[in-house]
N, C-alpha and C. Protein backbone atom coordinates (compact mmCIF):
# COMPACT_ATOMS: atom_id res chain seq x y z
N UNK A 1 34.69 52.80 -21.99
CA UNK A 1 34.90 51.74 -21.06
C UNK A 1 33.75 50.60 -21.42
N UNK A 2 34.10 49.25 -21.64
CA UNK A 2 33.32 48.29 -21.86
C UNK A 2 32.27 48.14 -20.84
N UNK A 3 30.90 47.67 -21.23
CA UNK A 3 29.86 47.38 -20.35
C UNK A 3 30.33 46.28 -19.48
N UNK A 4 29.77 46.08 -18.21
CA UNK A 4 30.22 45.14 -17.47
C UNK A 4 29.50 43.74 -17.87
N UNK A 5 30.09 42.67 -17.62
CA UNK A 5 29.57 41.33 -18.13
C UNK A 5 28.38 41.05 -17.38
N UNK A 6 27.40 40.81 -17.73
CA UNK A 6 26.23 40.11 -16.84
C UNK A 6 26.47 38.72 -16.25
N UNK A 7 25.70 38.54 -15.47
CA UNK A 7 25.52 36.98 -14.99
C UNK A 7 25.26 36.07 -16.12
N UNK A 8 24.11 36.50 -16.83
CA UNK A 8 23.70 35.67 -17.98
C UNK A 8 24.97 35.57 -19.00
N UNK A 9 25.51 36.56 -19.24
CA UNK A 9 26.68 36.43 -20.31
C UNK A 9 27.63 35.50 -19.63
N UNK A 10 28.02 35.56 -18.32
CA UNK A 10 28.94 34.74 -17.67
C UNK A 10 28.55 33.23 -17.93
N UNK A 11 27.20 33.12 -17.69
CA UNK A 11 26.46 31.78 -17.87
C UNK A 11 26.80 31.17 -19.18
N UNK A 12 26.40 31.98 -20.24
CA UNK A 12 26.48 31.53 -21.71
C UNK A 12 28.00 31.21 -22.11
N UNK A 13 28.99 32.19 -21.41
CA UNK A 13 30.23 32.10 -21.83
C UNK A 13 30.80 30.77 -21.33
N UNK A 14 30.44 30.56 -20.11
CA UNK A 14 30.96 29.21 -19.44
C UNK A 14 30.51 28.06 -20.08
N UNK A 15 29.14 28.05 -20.47
CA UNK A 15 28.58 26.81 -21.30
C UNK A 15 29.27 26.81 -22.58
N UNK A 16 29.64 27.93 -23.28
CA UNK A 16 30.30 27.62 -24.53
C UNK A 16 31.72 27.04 -24.45
N UNK A 17 32.23 27.51 -23.25
CA UNK A 17 33.58 27.10 -23.03
C UNK A 17 33.72 25.60 -22.71
N UNK A 18 32.95 25.06 -21.78
CA UNK A 18 32.44 23.74 -21.45
C UNK A 18 32.31 22.80 -22.74
N UNK A 19 31.21 23.47 -23.65
CA UNK A 19 31.06 22.68 -24.82
C UNK A 19 32.30 22.51 -25.53
N UNK A 20 33.01 23.41 -25.94
CA UNK A 20 34.30 23.42 -26.68
C UNK A 20 35.28 22.49 -26.13
N UNK A 21 35.45 22.71 -24.74
CA UNK A 21 36.61 21.73 -24.02
C UNK A 21 35.93 20.30 -24.03
N UNK A 22 34.78 20.03 -23.60
CA UNK A 22 34.29 18.71 -23.70
C UNK A 22 34.40 18.06 -25.24
N UNK A 23 34.13 18.57 -26.23
CA UNK A 23 34.16 18.05 -27.70
C UNK A 23 35.53 17.82 -27.94
N UNK A 24 36.60 18.78 -27.48
CA UNK A 24 37.85 18.72 -27.95
C UNK A 24 38.52 17.62 -27.10
N UNK A 25 38.30 17.50 -25.75
CA UNK A 25 38.99 16.48 -25.07
C UNK A 25 38.52 15.25 -25.17
N UNK A 26 37.10 15.08 -25.51
CA UNK A 26 36.59 13.65 -25.75
C UNK A 26 37.04 13.20 -27.18
N UNK A 27 37.10 13.99 -28.13
CA UNK A 27 37.53 13.73 -29.52
C UNK A 27 39.08 13.24 -29.48
N UNK A 28 39.97 14.09 -28.66
CA UNK A 28 41.32 13.95 -29.04
C UNK A 28 42.17 13.61 -27.71
N UNK A 29 41.55 13.68 -26.48
CA UNK A 29 42.33 13.67 -25.42
C UNK A 29 42.59 14.88 -24.63
N UNK A 30 42.70 14.83 -23.35
CA UNK A 30 42.99 16.14 -22.54
C UNK A 30 44.44 16.62 -22.86
N UNK A 31 45.48 15.78 -22.96
CA UNK A 31 46.74 16.20 -23.02
C UNK A 31 47.14 16.58 -24.46
N UNK A 32 46.31 16.12 -25.30
CA UNK A 32 46.63 16.47 -26.94
C UNK A 32 46.01 17.90 -27.24
N UNK A 33 45.25 18.35 -26.17
CA UNK A 33 44.56 19.71 -26.62
C UNK A 33 45.04 20.84 -25.72
N UNK A 34 45.53 21.81 -26.21
CA UNK A 34 46.29 22.86 -25.50
C UNK A 34 45.26 23.81 -25.46
N UNK A 35 45.43 24.77 -24.37
CA UNK A 35 44.48 25.71 -23.96
C UNK A 35 44.18 26.86 -25.11
N UNK A 36 45.31 27.04 -25.98
CA UNK A 36 44.96 27.63 -27.27
C UNK A 36 43.83 27.22 -28.14
N UNK A 37 43.95 25.96 -28.06
CA UNK A 37 42.79 25.27 -28.94
C UNK A 37 41.50 25.50 -28.35
N UNK A 38 41.44 25.28 -27.13
CA UNK A 38 40.09 25.61 -26.40
C UNK A 38 39.77 26.97 -26.56
N UNK A 39 40.67 27.96 -26.46
CA UNK A 39 40.41 29.43 -26.88
C UNK A 39 39.82 29.61 -28.11
N UNK A 40 40.47 28.94 -29.06
CA UNK A 40 40.08 29.11 -30.47
C UNK A 40 38.58 28.42 -30.61
N UNK A 41 38.39 27.42 -30.17
CA UNK A 41 37.13 26.72 -30.31
C UNK A 41 35.92 27.36 -29.64
N UNK A 42 36.24 27.90 -28.48
CA UNK A 42 35.34 28.55 -27.58
C UNK A 42 34.98 30.04 -28.12
N UNK A 43 36.01 30.55 -28.84
CA UNK A 43 35.84 32.01 -29.22
C UNK A 43 36.14 32.92 -27.95
N UNK A 44 36.55 32.48 -26.87
CA UNK A 44 36.77 33.38 -25.63
C UNK A 44 38.20 33.44 -25.48
N UNK A 45 38.57 34.86 -24.95
CA UNK A 45 40.05 35.18 -24.80
C UNK A 45 40.67 34.17 -23.56
N UNK A 46 41.90 33.85 -23.70
CA UNK A 46 42.60 33.02 -22.55
C UNK A 46 42.17 33.65 -21.21
N UNK A 47 42.32 35.08 -21.18
CA UNK A 47 42.17 35.66 -19.88
C UNK A 47 40.66 35.33 -19.09
N UNK A 48 39.96 35.34 -19.94
CA UNK A 48 38.42 35.01 -19.70
C UNK A 48 38.35 33.60 -19.31
N UNK A 49 38.95 32.82 -19.94
CA UNK A 49 38.84 31.36 -19.71
C UNK A 49 39.38 31.01 -18.31
N UNK A 50 40.51 31.64 -18.05
CA UNK A 50 41.27 31.48 -16.73
C UNK A 50 40.48 32.10 -15.60
N UNK A 51 39.75 33.14 -15.92
CA UNK A 51 38.69 33.65 -14.73
C UNK A 51 37.78 32.53 -14.36
N UNK A 52 37.30 31.75 -15.22
CA UNK A 52 36.43 30.66 -15.04
C UNK A 52 37.11 29.54 -14.31
N UNK A 53 38.25 29.25 -14.97
CA UNK A 53 38.97 28.04 -14.40
C UNK A 53 40.53 28.35 -14.26
N UNK A 54 40.84 28.46 -13.02
CA UNK A 54 42.24 28.77 -12.78
C UNK A 54 43.33 28.00 -13.42
N UNK A 55 43.08 26.59 -13.77
CA UNK A 55 43.94 25.76 -14.50
C UNK A 55 43.31 24.69 -15.11
N UNK A 56 43.94 23.99 -16.23
CA UNK A 56 43.28 23.20 -17.11
C UNK A 56 42.84 22.19 -16.45
N UNK A 57 43.32 21.55 -15.30
CA UNK A 57 42.75 20.58 -14.53
C UNK A 57 41.37 20.97 -13.94
N UNK A 58 41.22 22.10 -13.59
CA UNK A 58 39.74 22.62 -12.99
C UNK A 58 38.62 22.66 -14.27
N UNK A 59 39.28 22.85 -15.49
CA UNK A 59 38.37 22.86 -16.67
C UNK A 59 37.96 21.52 -16.97
N UNK A 60 38.95 20.41 -16.80
CA UNK A 60 38.51 18.97 -16.97
C UNK A 60 37.55 18.62 -16.02
N UNK A 61 37.78 18.91 -14.72
CA UNK A 61 36.80 18.45 -13.67
C UNK A 61 35.59 18.92 -14.05
N UNK A 62 35.42 20.19 -14.27
CA UNK A 62 34.02 20.86 -14.58
C UNK A 62 33.47 20.16 -15.80
N UNK A 63 34.13 19.90 -16.88
CA UNK A 63 33.63 19.06 -17.88
C UNK A 63 33.11 17.83 -17.56
N UNK A 64 33.78 17.00 -16.85
CA UNK A 64 33.34 15.73 -16.32
C UNK A 64 32.21 15.81 -15.43
N UNK A 65 32.06 16.83 -14.61
CA UNK A 65 30.98 17.04 -13.69
C UNK A 65 29.66 17.21 -14.47
N UNK A 66 29.73 18.14 -15.47
CA UNK A 66 28.64 18.44 -16.45
C UNK A 66 28.16 17.36 -17.16
N UNK A 67 29.26 16.67 -17.72
CA UNK A 67 28.87 15.42 -18.48
C UNK A 67 28.28 14.42 -17.65
N UNK A 68 28.63 14.37 -16.37
CA UNK A 68 27.99 13.10 -15.53
C UNK A 68 26.61 13.56 -15.52
N UNK A 69 26.17 14.95 -15.18
CA UNK A 69 24.89 15.18 -14.87
C UNK A 69 24.05 14.86 -16.19
N UNK A 70 24.42 15.17 -17.32
CA UNK A 70 23.80 14.99 -18.50
C UNK A 70 23.60 13.42 -18.80
N UNK A 71 24.73 12.76 -18.60
CA UNK A 71 24.89 11.30 -19.06
C UNK A 71 23.78 10.39 -18.06
N UNK A 72 23.99 10.71 -16.70
CA UNK A 72 23.10 9.87 -15.78
C UNK A 72 21.64 10.30 -15.83
N UNK A 73 21.40 11.57 -16.19
CA UNK A 73 20.13 12.01 -16.41
C UNK A 73 19.47 11.32 -17.67
N UNK A 74 20.13 11.31 -18.78
CA UNK A 74 19.71 10.72 -19.85
C UNK A 74 19.44 9.24 -19.67
N UNK A 75 20.35 8.50 -19.04
CA UNK A 75 20.22 6.98 -18.58
C UNK A 75 18.97 6.83 -17.81
N UNK A 76 18.75 7.73 -16.75
CA UNK A 76 17.61 7.49 -15.81
C UNK A 76 16.32 7.91 -16.62
N UNK A 77 16.29 8.80 -17.53
CA UNK A 77 14.97 9.08 -18.24
C UNK A 77 14.53 7.88 -18.96
N UNK A 78 15.60 7.30 -19.58
CA UNK A 78 15.29 6.23 -20.56
C UNK A 78 14.79 4.92 -19.64
N UNK A 79 15.65 4.54 -18.69
CA UNK A 79 15.33 3.40 -17.77
C UNK A 79 13.98 3.55 -17.05
N UNK A 80 13.60 4.61 -16.44
CA UNK A 80 12.48 4.86 -15.73
C UNK A 80 11.27 5.15 -16.48
N UNK A 81 11.46 5.14 -17.94
CA UNK A 81 10.37 5.21 -18.71
C UNK A 81 9.60 3.72 -18.88
N UNK A 82 10.26 2.66 -18.40
CA UNK A 82 9.93 1.40 -18.58
C UNK A 82 9.37 0.98 -16.98
N UNK A 83 8.07 0.37 -17.08
CA UNK A 83 7.45 0.05 -15.79
C UNK A 83 8.06 -1.27 -15.06
N UNK A 84 8.25 -2.29 -15.91
CA UNK A 84 8.84 -3.66 -15.21
C UNK A 84 10.22 -3.49 -14.67
N UNK A 85 10.54 -3.95 -13.39
CA UNK A 85 11.85 -3.79 -12.90
C UNK A 85 12.91 -4.64 -13.63
N UNK A 86 12.54 -5.91 -14.23
CA UNK A 86 13.56 -6.58 -14.87
C UNK A 86 13.75 -5.84 -16.28
N UNK A 87 12.69 -5.39 -16.90
CA UNK A 87 12.93 -4.69 -18.08
C UNK A 87 13.71 -3.40 -18.03
N UNK A 88 13.55 -2.82 -16.90
CA UNK A 88 14.39 -1.59 -16.50
C UNK A 88 15.95 -1.83 -16.54
N UNK A 89 16.15 -2.88 -15.95
CA UNK A 89 17.72 -3.30 -15.89
C UNK A 89 18.19 -3.72 -17.31
N UNK A 90 17.38 -4.31 -18.07
CA UNK A 90 17.70 -4.49 -19.49
C UNK A 90 17.91 -3.26 -20.27
N UNK A 91 16.96 -2.32 -20.03
CA UNK A 91 16.91 -1.18 -20.65
C UNK A 91 18.31 -0.40 -20.66
N UNK A 92 18.95 -0.50 -19.52
CA UNK A 92 20.38 -0.04 -19.41
C UNK A 92 21.09 -0.37 -20.51
N UNK A 93 21.25 -1.59 -21.05
CA UNK A 93 22.00 -2.03 -22.14
C UNK A 93 21.51 -1.63 -23.46
N UNK A 94 19.96 -1.35 -23.57
CA UNK A 94 19.62 -0.76 -24.77
C UNK A 94 20.10 0.43 -25.01
N UNK A 95 20.18 1.35 -23.98
CA UNK A 95 20.68 2.88 -23.84
C UNK A 95 22.13 2.86 -24.23
N UNK A 96 22.83 1.90 -23.63
CA UNK A 96 24.14 1.85 -23.90
C UNK A 96 24.61 1.40 -25.40
N UNK A 97 23.76 0.73 -25.92
CA UNK A 97 23.80 0.27 -27.43
C UNK A 97 23.67 1.53 -28.15
N UNK A 98 22.66 2.15 -28.00
CA UNK A 98 22.40 3.39 -28.64
C UNK A 98 23.60 4.49 -28.43
N UNK A 99 24.05 4.59 -27.40
CA UNK A 99 25.11 5.59 -27.08
C UNK A 99 26.42 5.01 -27.84
N UNK A 100 26.65 3.69 -27.83
CA UNK A 100 27.92 3.31 -28.40
C UNK A 100 27.66 3.50 -29.99
N UNK A 101 26.50 3.53 -30.53
CA UNK A 101 26.37 3.78 -32.12
C UNK A 101 26.45 5.05 -32.55
N UNK A 102 26.45 6.04 -31.64
CA UNK A 102 26.36 7.31 -31.88
C UNK A 102 27.75 7.75 -32.59
N UNK A 103 27.64 8.78 -33.70
CA UNK A 103 28.78 9.08 -34.42
C UNK A 103 29.72 9.61 -33.37
N UNK A 104 30.95 9.39 -33.46
CA UNK A 104 31.96 10.06 -32.58
C UNK A 104 32.24 9.45 -31.24
N UNK A 105 31.36 8.18 -31.00
CA UNK A 105 31.70 7.57 -29.92
C UNK A 105 33.20 7.10 -29.55
N UNK A 106 33.66 7.48 -28.60
CA UNK A 106 35.03 7.25 -28.11
C UNK A 106 35.22 6.51 -26.82
N UNK A 107 34.22 5.98 -26.26
CA UNK A 107 34.39 5.03 -25.05
C UNK A 107 33.80 5.97 -23.99
N UNK A 108 34.27 5.60 -22.63
CA UNK A 108 33.80 6.45 -21.47
C UNK A 108 34.82 7.64 -21.33
N UNK A 109 34.27 8.87 -21.25
CA UNK A 109 35.00 9.92 -20.98
C UNK A 109 35.75 9.85 -19.55
N UNK A 110 35.23 9.28 -18.75
CA UNK A 110 35.80 9.31 -17.31
C UNK A 110 36.97 8.22 -17.29
N UNK A 111 36.84 7.21 -18.00
CA UNK A 111 37.90 6.11 -18.22
C UNK A 111 38.99 6.72 -19.06
N UNK A 112 38.59 7.25 -20.05
CA UNK A 112 39.63 8.05 -20.96
C UNK A 112 40.60 9.04 -20.10
N UNK A 113 39.92 10.04 -19.44
CA UNK A 113 40.44 10.92 -18.74
C UNK A 113 41.32 10.50 -17.50
N UNK A 114 40.74 9.44 -16.88
CA UNK A 114 41.52 8.73 -15.86
C UNK A 114 42.75 8.03 -16.45
N UNK A 115 42.66 7.58 -17.43
CA UNK A 115 43.91 6.84 -18.02
C UNK A 115 44.98 8.02 -18.35
N UNK A 116 44.69 9.17 -18.76
CA UNK A 116 45.39 10.20 -19.10
C UNK A 116 46.13 11.06 -17.73
N UNK A 117 45.07 11.34 -16.81
CA UNK A 117 45.36 12.27 -15.68
C UNK A 117 45.17 11.58 -14.39
N UNK A 118 44.43 10.70 -14.26
CA UNK A 118 44.25 9.98 -13.03
C UNK A 118 45.22 9.76 -12.10
N UNK A 119 46.43 9.19 -12.53
CA UNK A 119 47.61 8.89 -11.62
C UNK A 119 48.32 10.27 -11.17
N UNK A 120 48.10 11.44 -11.81
CA UNK A 120 48.87 12.68 -11.50
C UNK A 120 47.80 13.79 -11.06
N UNK A 121 46.48 13.47 -10.93
CA UNK A 121 45.57 14.34 -10.71
C UNK A 121 44.50 13.96 -9.59
N UNK A 122 44.71 14.35 -8.29
CA UNK A 122 43.69 13.78 -7.34
C UNK A 122 42.13 14.31 -7.69
N UNK A 123 42.09 15.61 -8.21
CA UNK A 123 40.87 16.13 -8.47
C UNK A 123 40.22 15.33 -9.56
N UNK A 124 41.00 15.15 -10.55
CA UNK A 124 40.40 14.28 -11.71
C UNK A 124 40.09 12.80 -11.21
N UNK A 125 40.82 12.29 -10.53
CA UNK A 125 40.64 10.94 -9.97
C UNK A 125 39.26 10.87 -9.12
N UNK A 126 39.12 11.97 -8.27
CA UNK A 126 38.03 12.04 -7.49
C UNK A 126 36.72 12.12 -8.19
N UNK A 127 36.69 12.91 -9.14
CA UNK A 127 35.63 12.96 -10.16
C UNK A 127 35.28 11.75 -10.73
N UNK A 128 36.22 10.93 -11.23
CA UNK A 128 35.88 9.67 -12.06
C UNK A 128 35.27 8.76 -11.07
N UNK A 129 35.89 8.62 -9.90
CA UNK A 129 35.47 7.84 -8.86
C UNK A 129 33.98 8.07 -8.51
N UNK A 130 33.59 9.43 -8.35
CA UNK A 130 32.45 9.92 -8.05
C UNK A 130 31.29 9.51 -8.98
N UNK A 131 31.71 9.67 -10.35
CA UNK A 131 30.84 9.25 -11.53
C UNK A 131 30.49 7.59 -11.59
N UNK A 132 31.72 6.93 -11.24
CA UNK A 132 31.72 5.34 -11.16
C UNK A 132 30.76 4.92 -10.19
N UNK A 133 30.90 5.64 -9.11
CA UNK A 133 30.01 5.31 -7.84
C UNK A 133 28.67 5.58 -7.98
N UNK A 134 28.30 6.81 -8.51
CA UNK A 134 26.91 7.09 -8.92
C UNK A 134 26.28 6.17 -9.86
N UNK A 135 26.97 5.94 -10.93
CA UNK A 135 26.62 4.97 -11.91
C UNK A 135 26.21 3.53 -11.23
N UNK A 136 27.20 3.11 -10.44
CA UNK A 136 26.85 1.74 -9.77
C UNK A 136 25.53 2.04 -8.89
N UNK A 137 25.49 3.11 -8.08
CA UNK A 137 24.28 3.34 -7.20
C UNK A 137 23.06 3.23 -8.16
N UNK A 138 22.89 3.90 -9.24
CA UNK A 138 21.97 3.96 -10.04
C UNK A 138 21.52 2.41 -10.63
N UNK A 139 22.48 1.65 -10.95
CA UNK A 139 22.14 0.27 -11.26
C UNK A 139 21.82 -0.45 -10.25
N UNK A 140 22.34 -0.15 -8.98
CA UNK A 140 22.00 -1.07 -7.72
C UNK A 140 20.47 -0.73 -7.49
N UNK A 141 19.93 0.51 -7.55
CA UNK A 141 18.68 0.78 -7.34
C UNK A 141 17.77 -0.04 -8.15
N UNK A 142 18.07 -0.05 -9.49
CA UNK A 142 17.23 -0.57 -10.42
C UNK A 142 17.32 -2.17 -10.29
N UNK A 143 18.45 -2.69 -9.97
CA UNK A 143 18.52 -4.14 -9.81
C UNK A 143 17.97 -4.49 -8.51
N UNK A 144 17.95 -3.94 -7.39
CA UNK A 144 17.35 -4.15 -6.29
C UNK A 144 15.87 -4.38 -6.39
N UNK A 145 15.31 -3.74 -7.17
CA UNK A 145 13.92 -3.50 -7.41
C UNK A 145 13.43 -4.97 -8.06
N UNK A 146 14.45 -5.66 -8.71
CA UNK A 146 14.01 -7.01 -9.23
C UNK A 146 14.04 -8.09 -8.27
N UNK A 147 14.50 -7.92 -7.09
CA UNK A 147 14.76 -8.82 -6.03
C UNK A 147 15.89 -9.86 -6.21
N UNK A 148 16.64 -9.57 -7.16
CA UNK A 148 17.68 -10.45 -7.52
C UNK A 148 19.07 -9.93 -7.03
N UNK A 149 19.96 -10.65 -6.26
CA UNK A 149 21.28 -10.16 -5.67
C UNK A 149 22.42 -10.25 -6.76
N UNK A 150 22.24 -9.34 -7.79
CA UNK A 150 23.14 -9.52 -8.92
C UNK A 150 23.61 -7.93 -9.21
N UNK A 151 23.71 -6.95 -8.31
CA UNK A 151 24.15 -5.69 -8.63
C UNK A 151 25.49 -5.72 -9.27
N UNK A 152 26.58 -6.29 -8.49
CA UNK A 152 27.87 -6.19 -8.90
C UNK A 152 28.05 -6.78 -10.27
N UNK A 153 27.54 -8.07 -10.71
CA UNK A 153 27.78 -8.47 -12.02
C UNK A 153 27.12 -7.75 -12.93
N UNK A 154 25.91 -7.03 -12.75
CA UNK A 154 25.17 -6.11 -13.64
C UNK A 154 26.15 -4.92 -13.98
N UNK A 155 26.74 -4.43 -12.93
CA UNK A 155 27.55 -3.25 -12.95
C UNK A 155 28.71 -3.50 -13.80
N UNK A 156 29.37 -4.62 -13.46
CA UNK A 156 30.66 -4.99 -14.09
C UNK A 156 30.42 -5.40 -15.65
N UNK A 157 29.18 -5.99 -15.97
CA UNK A 157 28.91 -6.19 -17.45
C UNK A 157 28.67 -4.91 -17.97
N UNK A 158 28.08 -3.78 -17.45
CA UNK A 158 27.80 -2.46 -18.06
C UNK A 158 29.23 -1.75 -18.24
N UNK A 159 30.01 -1.85 -17.28
CA UNK A 159 31.28 -1.25 -17.45
C UNK A 159 32.12 -2.01 -18.39
N UNK A 160 32.24 -3.40 -18.47
CA UNK A 160 32.94 -3.94 -19.52
C UNK A 160 32.44 -3.70 -20.83
N UNK A 161 31.07 -3.54 -21.03
CA UNK A 161 30.58 -3.15 -22.34
C UNK A 161 31.07 -1.79 -22.69
N UNK A 162 30.99 -0.84 -21.91
CA UNK A 162 31.44 0.48 -22.21
C UNK A 162 32.98 0.37 -22.68
N UNK A 163 33.81 -0.36 -21.97
CA UNK A 163 35.21 -0.37 -22.27
C UNK A 163 35.45 -1.20 -23.59
N UNK A 164 34.87 -2.21 -23.63
CA UNK A 164 35.00 -2.94 -24.98
C UNK A 164 34.48 -2.09 -26.08
N UNK A 165 33.29 -1.74 -26.09
CA UNK A 165 32.88 -0.88 -27.28
C UNK A 165 33.60 0.36 -27.71
N UNK A 166 34.25 0.91 -26.46
CA UNK A 166 35.16 2.11 -26.78
C UNK A 166 36.39 1.76 -27.51
N UNK A 167 36.89 0.53 -27.35
CA UNK A 167 38.18 0.01 -27.86
C UNK A 167 37.86 -0.56 -29.20
N UNK A 168 36.61 -1.37 -29.33
CA UNK A 168 36.38 -1.92 -30.58
C UNK A 168 35.65 -0.96 -31.56
N UNK A 169 34.99 -0.09 -31.13
CA UNK A 169 34.14 0.72 -31.93
C UNK A 169 32.74 0.13 -32.43
N UNK A 170 32.46 -0.93 -31.78
CA UNK A 170 31.39 -1.76 -32.06
C UNK A 170 30.10 -1.81 -31.10
N UNK A 171 29.08 -1.47 -31.14
CA UNK A 171 28.00 -1.54 -30.19
C UNK A 171 27.59 -2.82 -29.69
N UNK A 172 28.11 -4.08 -30.38
CA UNK A 172 27.74 -5.46 -29.96
C UNK A 172 27.95 -5.70 -28.46
N UNK A 173 29.03 -5.24 -27.74
CA UNK A 173 29.25 -5.63 -26.42
C UNK A 173 27.86 -5.09 -25.51
N UNK A 174 27.06 -4.32 -25.99
CA UNK A 174 25.91 -3.91 -25.20
C UNK A 174 25.02 -4.92 -25.21
N UNK A 175 24.76 -5.52 -26.50
CA UNK A 175 23.78 -6.57 -26.71
C UNK A 175 24.23 -7.85 -26.05
N UNK A 176 25.50 -8.08 -26.02
CA UNK A 176 26.12 -9.35 -25.48
C UNK A 176 26.07 -9.41 -23.82
N UNK A 177 26.14 -7.96 -23.42
CA UNK A 177 26.05 -7.83 -21.90
C UNK A 177 24.64 -7.97 -21.46
N UNK A 178 23.72 -7.42 -22.50
CA UNK A 178 22.22 -7.51 -21.88
C UNK A 178 21.83 -9.01 -22.05
N UNK A 179 22.17 -9.88 -22.71
CA UNK A 179 21.96 -11.20 -22.96
C UNK A 179 22.44 -11.87 -21.70
N UNK A 180 23.66 -11.54 -21.16
CA UNK A 180 24.32 -12.18 -19.94
C UNK A 180 23.33 -11.68 -18.80
N UNK A 181 22.93 -10.39 -18.70
CA UNK A 181 22.00 -9.86 -17.63
C UNK A 181 20.78 -10.47 -17.73
N UNK A 182 20.16 -10.82 -18.86
CA UNK A 182 18.93 -11.37 -18.91
C UNK A 182 18.88 -12.75 -18.31
N UNK A 183 20.17 -13.52 -18.36
CA UNK A 183 20.28 -14.97 -17.96
C UNK A 183 20.31 -14.67 -16.27
N UNK A 184 21.17 -13.66 -15.94
CA UNK A 184 21.34 -13.35 -14.49
C UNK A 184 20.06 -13.14 -13.96
N UNK A 185 19.13 -12.43 -14.43
CA UNK A 185 17.87 -12.15 -14.07
C UNK A 185 16.86 -13.29 -13.96
N UNK A 186 17.06 -14.15 -14.87
CA UNK A 186 16.22 -15.35 -15.11
C UNK A 186 14.91 -15.01 -15.84
N UNK A 187 14.15 -15.92 -16.01
CA UNK A 187 12.97 -15.76 -17.02
C UNK A 187 11.86 -15.01 -16.14
N UNK A 188 11.16 -14.06 -16.89
CA UNK A 188 10.19 -13.42 -16.14
C UNK A 188 9.00 -14.22 -15.80
């Protein structure tokens, strides 16, 4: 009889599974990737995968939830390393430019998944909306500290830069949006 699976092994296997699924879904899209490919990439048997996630939709939501935690924590760490409120807001776009220039950048994972599954999956759509609202709330916090009433324009410029860079494959939209935000915030 095989030894029982420990909580630590469960945690490691779940992380391996999420890593494999995230990479595949982001590179190729959710619908283009079958669960057999997720199985092969993770090295876990399908039976074990389905113990973690009863349906592919559940796996997609878990991937997006985990990516949200990493993505927003990374952004927060970078922005909050800057003391000046105006510069903090501009740093959002510096961080975006670096992300856009990373090898394998394929745009916003939430927008990509929403385009594929949002109309047919309430759970996916809820996760996408949650991420976008949390991102907007982060921006609002940093913009409010400047004393300028420009939360929505800054948020829309950030989102527009993300979408445009995802389509064009060029990090320039982050610099262009940064320049527009600098104008909105005025001269320090």
